[in-house]
C-alpha atoms as a PDB file:
ATOM      1  CA  UNK A   1      -5.326 -18.724  47.375  1.00  0.00           C
ATOM      2  CA  UNK A   2      -4.723 -15.449  45.546  1.00  0.00           C
ATOM      3  CA  UNK A   3      -1.737 -16.985  43.820  1.00  0.00           C
ATOM      4  CA  UNK A   4      -3.818 -19.912  42.511  1.00  0.00           C
ATOM      5  CA  UNK A   5      -6.569 -17.572  41.306  1.00  0.00           C
ATOM      6  CA  UNK A   6      -4.005 -15.391  39.513  1.00  0.00           C
ATOM      7  CA  UNK A   7      -2.423 -18.462  37.914  1.00  0.00           C
ATOM      8  CA  UNK A   8      -5.823 -19.703  36.729  1.00  0.00           C
ATOM      9  CA  UNK A   9      -6.662 -16.275  35.319  1.00  0.00           C
ATOM     10  CA  UNK A  10      -3.337 -16.032  33.443  1.00  0.00           C
ATOM     11  CA  UNK A  11      -3.736 -19.559  32.065  1.00  0.00           C
ATOM     12  CA  UNK A  12      -7.241 -18.748  30.848  1.00  0.00           C
ATOM     13  CA  UNK A  13      -6.029 -15.549  29.213  1.00  0.00           C
ATOM     14  CA  UNK A  14      -3.209 -17.358  27.410  1.00  0.00           C
ATOM     15  CA  UNK A  15      -5.571 -20.039  26.165  1.00  0.00           C
ATOM     16  CA  UNK A  16      -8.022 -17.386  24.990  1.00  0.00           C
ATOM     17  CA  UNK A  17      -5.336 -15.519  23.076  1.00  0.00           C
ATOM     18  CA  UNK A  18      -4.052 -18.672  21.442  1.00  0.00           C
ATOM     19  CA  UNK A  19      -7.522 -19.340  20.030  1.00  0.00           C
ATOM     20  CA  UNK A  20      -7.973 -15.938  18.387  1.00  0.00           C
ATOM     21  CA  UNK A  21      -6.612 -17.194  15.022  1.00  0.00           C
ATOM     22  CA  UNK A  22      -4.093 -14.368  14.787  1.00  0.00           C
ATOM     23  CA  UNK A  23      -1.460 -15.236  12.235  1.00  0.00           C
ATOM     24  CA  UNK A  24       1.539 -12.945  11.783  1.00  0.00           C
ATOM     25  CA  UNK A  25       2.478 -11.941   8.254  1.00  0.00           C
ATOM     26  CA  UNK A  26       5.849 -13.665   8.137  1.00  0.00           C
ATOM     27  CA  UNK A  27       6.825 -15.654   5.096  1.00  0.00           C
ATOM     28  CA  UNK A  28       9.191 -18.495   4.645  1.00  0.00           C
ATOM     29  CA  UNK A  29      12.486 -17.741   2.880  1.00  0.00           C
ATOM     30  CA  UNK A  30      11.029 -19.299  -0.273  1.00  0.00           C
ATOM     31  CA  UNK A  31       8.012 -16.952  -0.172  1.00  0.00           C
ATOM     32  CA  UNK A  32      10.211 -13.907   0.349  1.00  0.00           C
ATOM     33  CA  UNK A  33      12.497 -15.004  -2.492  1.00  0.00           C
ATOM     34  CA  UNK A  34       9.470 -15.351  -4.792  1.00  0.00           C
ATOM     35  CA  UNK A  35       8.750 -11.624  -4.380  1.00  0.00           C
ATOM     36  CA  UNK A  36      12.293 -10.284  -4.373  1.00  0.00           C
ATOM     37  CA  UNK A  37      13.296  -8.810  -7.690  1.00  0.00           C
ATOM     38  CA  UNK A  38       9.788  -8.778  -9.123  1.00  0.00           C
ATOM     39  CA  UNK A  39       9.433  -6.470 -12.092  1.00  0.00           C
ATOM     40  CA  UNK A  40       7.198  -3.458 -11.448  1.00  0.00           C
ATOM     41  CA  UNK A  41       5.497  -1.614 -14.321  1.00  0.00           C
ATOM     42  CA  UNK A  42       3.320   1.417 -13.614  1.00  0.00           C
ATOM     43  CA  UNK A  43       1.462   2.756 -16.646  1.00  0.00           C
ATOM     44  CA  UNK A  44       1.417   6.502 -17.124  1.00  0.00           C
ATOM     45  CA  UNK A  45       3.770   9.395 -17.581  1.00  0.00           C
ATOM     46  CA  UNK A  46       2.615  11.626 -14.734  1.00  0.00           C
ATOM     47  CA  UNK A  47       4.824  12.507 -11.785  1.00  0.00           C
ATOM     48  CA  UNK A  48       2.694  10.480  -9.386  1.00  0.00           C
ATOM     49  CA  UNK A  49       3.123   7.383 -11.594  1.00  0.00           C
ATOM     50  CA  UNK A  50       6.893   7.715 -11.349  1.00  0.00           C
ATOM     51  CA  UNK A  51       6.712   8.198  -7.580  1.00  0.00           C
ATOM     52  CA  UNK A  52       4.548   5.076  -7.234  1.00  0.00           C
ATOM     53  CA  UNK A  53       6.901   3.080  -9.464  1.00  0.00           C
ATOM     54  CA  UNK A  54       9.871   4.101  -7.328  1.00  0.00           C
ATOM     55  CA  UNK A  55       8.028   3.325  -4.070  1.00  0.00           C
ATOM     56  CA  UNK A  56       7.040  -0.143  -5.317  1.00  0.00           C
ATOM     57  CA  UNK A  57      10.599  -0.865  -6.436  1.00  0.00           C
ATOM     58  CA  UNK A  58      11.758   0.144  -2.946  1.00  0.00           C
ATOM     59  CA  UNK A  59       9.424  -2.445  -1.457  1.00  0.00           C
ATOM     60  CA  UNK A  60      10.023  -5.302  -3.927  1.00  0.00           C
ATOM     61  CA  UNK A  61      13.706  -4.738  -4.664  1.00  0.00           C
ATOM     62  CA  UNK A  62      15.539  -3.943  -7.854  1.00  0.00           C
ATOM     63  CA  UNK A  63      13.911  -5.713 -10.821  1.00  0.00           C
ATOM     64  CA  UNK A  64      15.948  -8.806 -11.603  1.00  0.00           C
ATOM     65  CA  UNK A  65      13.612 -11.201 -13.369  1.00  0.00           C
ATOM     66  CA  UNK A  66      11.742 -12.489 -10.310  1.00  0.00           C
ATOM     67  CA  UNK A  67       8.897 -14.981 -10.399  1.00  0.00           C
ATOM     68  CA  UNK A  68       6.230 -12.283 -10.632  1.00  0.00           C
ATOM     69  CA  UNK A  69       5.577  -9.064 -12.518  1.00  0.00           C
ATOM     70  CA  UNK A  70       3.458  -6.316 -10.993  1.00  0.00           C
ATOM     71  CA  UNK A  71       1.466  -4.175 -13.429  1.00  0.00           C
ATOM     72  CA  UNK A  72      -0.329  -1.102 -12.136  1.00  0.00           C
ATOM     73  CA  UNK A  73      -2.514   1.609 -13.616  1.00  0.00           C
ATOM     74  CA  UNK A  74      -3.313   4.807 -11.730  1.00  0.00           C
ATOM     75  CA  UNK A  75      -6.007   7.427 -11.721  1.00  0.00           C
ATOM     76  CA  UNK A  76      -5.879  10.659  -9.719  1.00  0.00           C
ATOM     77  CA  UNK A  77      -8.692  12.942  -8.618  1.00  0.00           C
ATOM     78  CA  UNK A  78      -8.365  16.250  -6.809  1.00  0.00           C
ATOM     79  CA  UNK A  79     -11.299  17.134  -4.583  1.00  0.00           C
ATOM     80  CA  UNK A  80     -11.954  20.542  -3.033  1.00  0.00           C
ATOM     81  CA  UNK A  81     -12.867  20.006   0.619  1.00  0.00           C
ATOM     82  CA  UNK A  82     -12.870  23.294   2.488  1.00  0.00           C
ATOM     83  CA  UNK A  83     -14.426  26.337   0.864  1.00  0.00           C
ATOM     84  CA  UNK A  84     -13.766  29.807   2.243  1.00  0.00           C
ATOM     85  CA  UNK A  85     -16.071  32.809   2.371  1.00  0.00           C
ATOM     86  CA  UNK A  86     -14.797  33.865  -1.059  1.00  0.00           C
ATOM     87  CA  UNK A  87     -15.989  30.525  -2.531  1.00  0.00           C
ATOM     88  CA  UNK A  88     -12.427  29.278  -3.126  1.00  0.00           C
ATOM     89  CA  UNK A  89     -11.231  25.852  -1.942  1.00  0.00           C
ATOM     90  CA  UNK A  90      -8.833  26.125   0.993  1.00  0.00           C
ATOM     91  CA  UNK A  91      -8.283  22.410   1.476  1.00  0.00           C
ATOM     92  CA  UNK A  92      -7.954  19.675  -1.128  1.00  0.00           C
ATOM     93  CA  UNK A  93      -7.691  15.910  -1.208  1.00  0.00           C
ATOM     94  CA  UNK A  94      -5.536  14.003  -3.681  1.00  0.00           C
ATOM     95  CA  UNK A  95      -7.250  10.642  -4.253  1.00  0.00           C
ATOM     96  CA  UNK A  96      -5.036   8.021  -5.886  1.00  0.00           C
ATOM     97  CA  UNK A  97      -6.659   4.825  -7.144  1.00  0.00           C
ATOM     98  CA  UNK A  98      -4.369   2.028  -8.317  1.00  0.00           C
ATOM     99  CA  UNK A  99      -5.608  -1.011 -10.218  1.00  0.00           C
ATOM    100  CA  UNK A 100      -2.871  -3.626 -10.037  1.00  0.00           C
ATOM    101  CA  UNK A 101      -2.273  -7.190 -11.156  1.00  0.00           C
ATOM    102  CA  UNK A 102       0.331  -9.636  -9.951  1.00  0.00           C
ATOM    103  CA  UNK A 103       1.286 -11.651 -13.007  1.00  0.00           C
ATOM    104  CA  UNK A 104       3.111 -14.982 -12.988  1.00  0.00           C
ATOM    105  CA  UNK A 105       6.191 -14.371 -15.138  1.00  0.00           C
ATOM    106  CA  UNK A 106       6.247 -17.971 -16.351  1.00  0.00           C
ATOM    107  CA  UNK A 107       2.689 -18.280 -17.618  1.00  0.00           C
ATOM    108  CA  UNK A 108       1.918 -14.590 -18.184  1.00  0.00           C
ATOM    109  CA  UNK A 109      -1.423 -14.998 -16.401  1.00  0.00           C
ATOM    110  CA  UNK A 110      -2.598 -12.694 -13.591  1.00  0.00           C
ATOM    111  CA  UNK A 111      -2.749 -14.479 -10.255  1.00  0.00           C
ATOM    112  CA  UNK A 112      -3.994 -11.519  -8.212  1.00  0.00           C
ATOM    113  CA  UNK A 113      -5.957  -8.483  -9.395  1.00  0.00           C
ATOM    114  CA  UNK A 114      -7.083  -5.832  -6.939  1.00  0.00           C
ATOM    115  CA  UNK A 115      -7.615  -2.105  -6.460  1.00  0.00           C
ATOM    116  CA  UNK A 116      -6.225   0.116  -3.710  1.00  0.00           C
ATOM    117  CA  UNK A 117      -7.219   3.678  -2.904  1.00  0.00           C
ATOM    118  CA  UNK A 118      -5.149   6.200  -1.045  1.00  0.00           C
ATOM    119  CA  UNK A 119      -5.934   9.765  -0.052  1.00  0.00           C
ATOM    120  CA  UNK A 120      -3.783  12.636   1.139  1.00  0.00           C
ATOM    121  CA  UNK A 121      -5.138  16.052   2.092  1.00  0.00           C
ATOM    122  CA  UNK A 122      -3.462  19.434   1.866  1.00  0.00           C
ATOM    123  CA  UNK A 123      -4.134  22.985   2.981  1.00  0.00           C
ATOM    124  CA  UNK A 124      -3.896  25.400   0.075  1.00  0.00           C
ATOM    125  CA  UNK A 125      -1.387  28.077   1.043  1.00  0.00           C
ATOM    126  CA  UNK A 126      -1.597  31.608  -0.332  1.00  0.00           C
ATOM    127  CA  UNK A 127       1.611  31.592  -2.382  1.00  0.00           C
ATOM    128  CA  UNK A 128       1.744  29.812  -5.759  1.00  0.00           C
ATOM    129  CA  UNK A 129       5.070  28.077  -5.104  1.00  0.00           C
ATOM    130  CA  UNK A 130       3.891  26.883  -1.702  1.00  0.00           C
ATOM    131  CA  UNK A 131       0.750  25.460  -3.326  1.00  0.00           C
ATOM    132  CA  UNK A 132       2.839  23.484  -5.852  1.00  0.00           C
ATOM    133  CA  UNK A 133       5.077  22.193  -3.065  1.00  0.00           C
ATOM    134  CA  UNK A 134       2.074  21.177  -0.934  1.00  0.00           C
ATOM    135  CA  UNK A 135       0.512  19.291  -3.850  1.00  0.00           C
ATOM    136  CA  UNK A 136       3.764  17.458  -4.587  1.00  0.00           C
ATOM    137  CA  UNK A 137       4.074  16.476  -0.952  1.00  0.00           C
ATOM    138  CA  UNK A 138       0.508  15.132  -0.958  1.00  0.00           C
ATOM    139  CA  UNK A 139       1.206  13.117  -4.128  1.00  0.00           C
ATOM    140  CA  UNK A 140       4.285  11.583  -2.496  1.00  0.00           C
ATOM    141  CA  UNK A 141       2.304  10.659   0.623  1.00  0.00           C
ATOM    142  CA  UNK A 142      -0.538   9.148  -1.414  1.00  0.00           C
ATOM    143  CA  UNK A 143       1.865   7.133  -3.587  1.00  0.00           C
ATOM    144  CA  UNK A 144       3.802   5.858  -0.562  1.00  0.00           C
ATOM    145  CA  UNK A 145       0.584   4.805   1.164  1.00  0.00           C
ATOM    146  CA  UNK A 146      -0.669   3.067  -1.991  1.00  0.00           C
ATOM    147  CA  UNK A 147       2.662   1.233  -2.361  1.00  0.00           C
ATOM    148  CA  UNK A 148       2.414   0.039   1.255  1.00  0.00           C
ATOM    149  CA  UNK A 149      -1.117  -1.232   0.672  1.00  0.00           C
ATOM    150  CA  UNK A 150      -0.125  -3.033  -2.534  1.00  0.00           C
ATOM    151  CA  UNK A 151       2.888  -4.628  -0.842  1.00  0.00           C
ATOM    152  CA  UNK A 152       0.700  -5.852   2.030  1.00  0.00           C
ATOM    153  CA  UNK A 153      -1.894  -7.350  -0.302  1.00  0.00           C
ATOM    154  CA  UNK A 154       0.758  -9.103  -2.370  1.00  0.00           C
ATOM    155  CA  UNK A 155       2.446 -10.384   0.814  1.00  0.00           C
ATOM    156  CA  UNK A 156      -0.908 -11.678   2.069  1.00  0.00           C
ATOM    157  CA  UNK A 157      -1.445 -13.493  -1.237  1.00  0.00           C
ATOM    158  CA  UNK A 158       2.021 -15.084  -1.085  1.00  0.00           C
ATOM    159  CA  UNK A 159       1.653 -15.936   2.616  1.00  0.00           C
ATOM    160  CA  UNK A 160      -1.600 -17.769   1.933  1.00  0.00           C
ATOM    161  CA  UNK A 161       0.143 -19.927  -0.641  1.00  0.00           C
ATOM    162  CA  UNK A 162      -1.343 -18.243  -3.693  1.00  0.00           C
ATOM    163  CA  UNK A 163      -4.943 -18.020  -2.504  1.00  0.00           C
END
């Protein structure tokens, strides 16, 4: 009796999970090939722009004339979060906003245009060199997070067949 009840419960759970509409983000070899070698162009001459460009190239592969071109434009804001008794910020947030477009290399028309936002916080240490190092580390973390978000959104677009 217990065995039949357990079997019925497990069967119901499996049927319930199969109806949840979960779809893994796996692409066919053709979809993956469409993204591999896409050209990445990040506008700007700041250090964070170069970090983002490198992170995107890590995710999409070495540019080799793929089907798409990814154009991105960044903006960075630094926000003071924690203020000490001496009215000086002790904690900051680096907010990176990236406007990007996935452009069909054949037609030159954008097929996907979106914005991602990434934030990394830092404690402001007392020494000047430590403060520079902490800011650089936060920029790297923000750029890496933004690159991950862009890669996921582009993969979702490709996985949905260009919708």
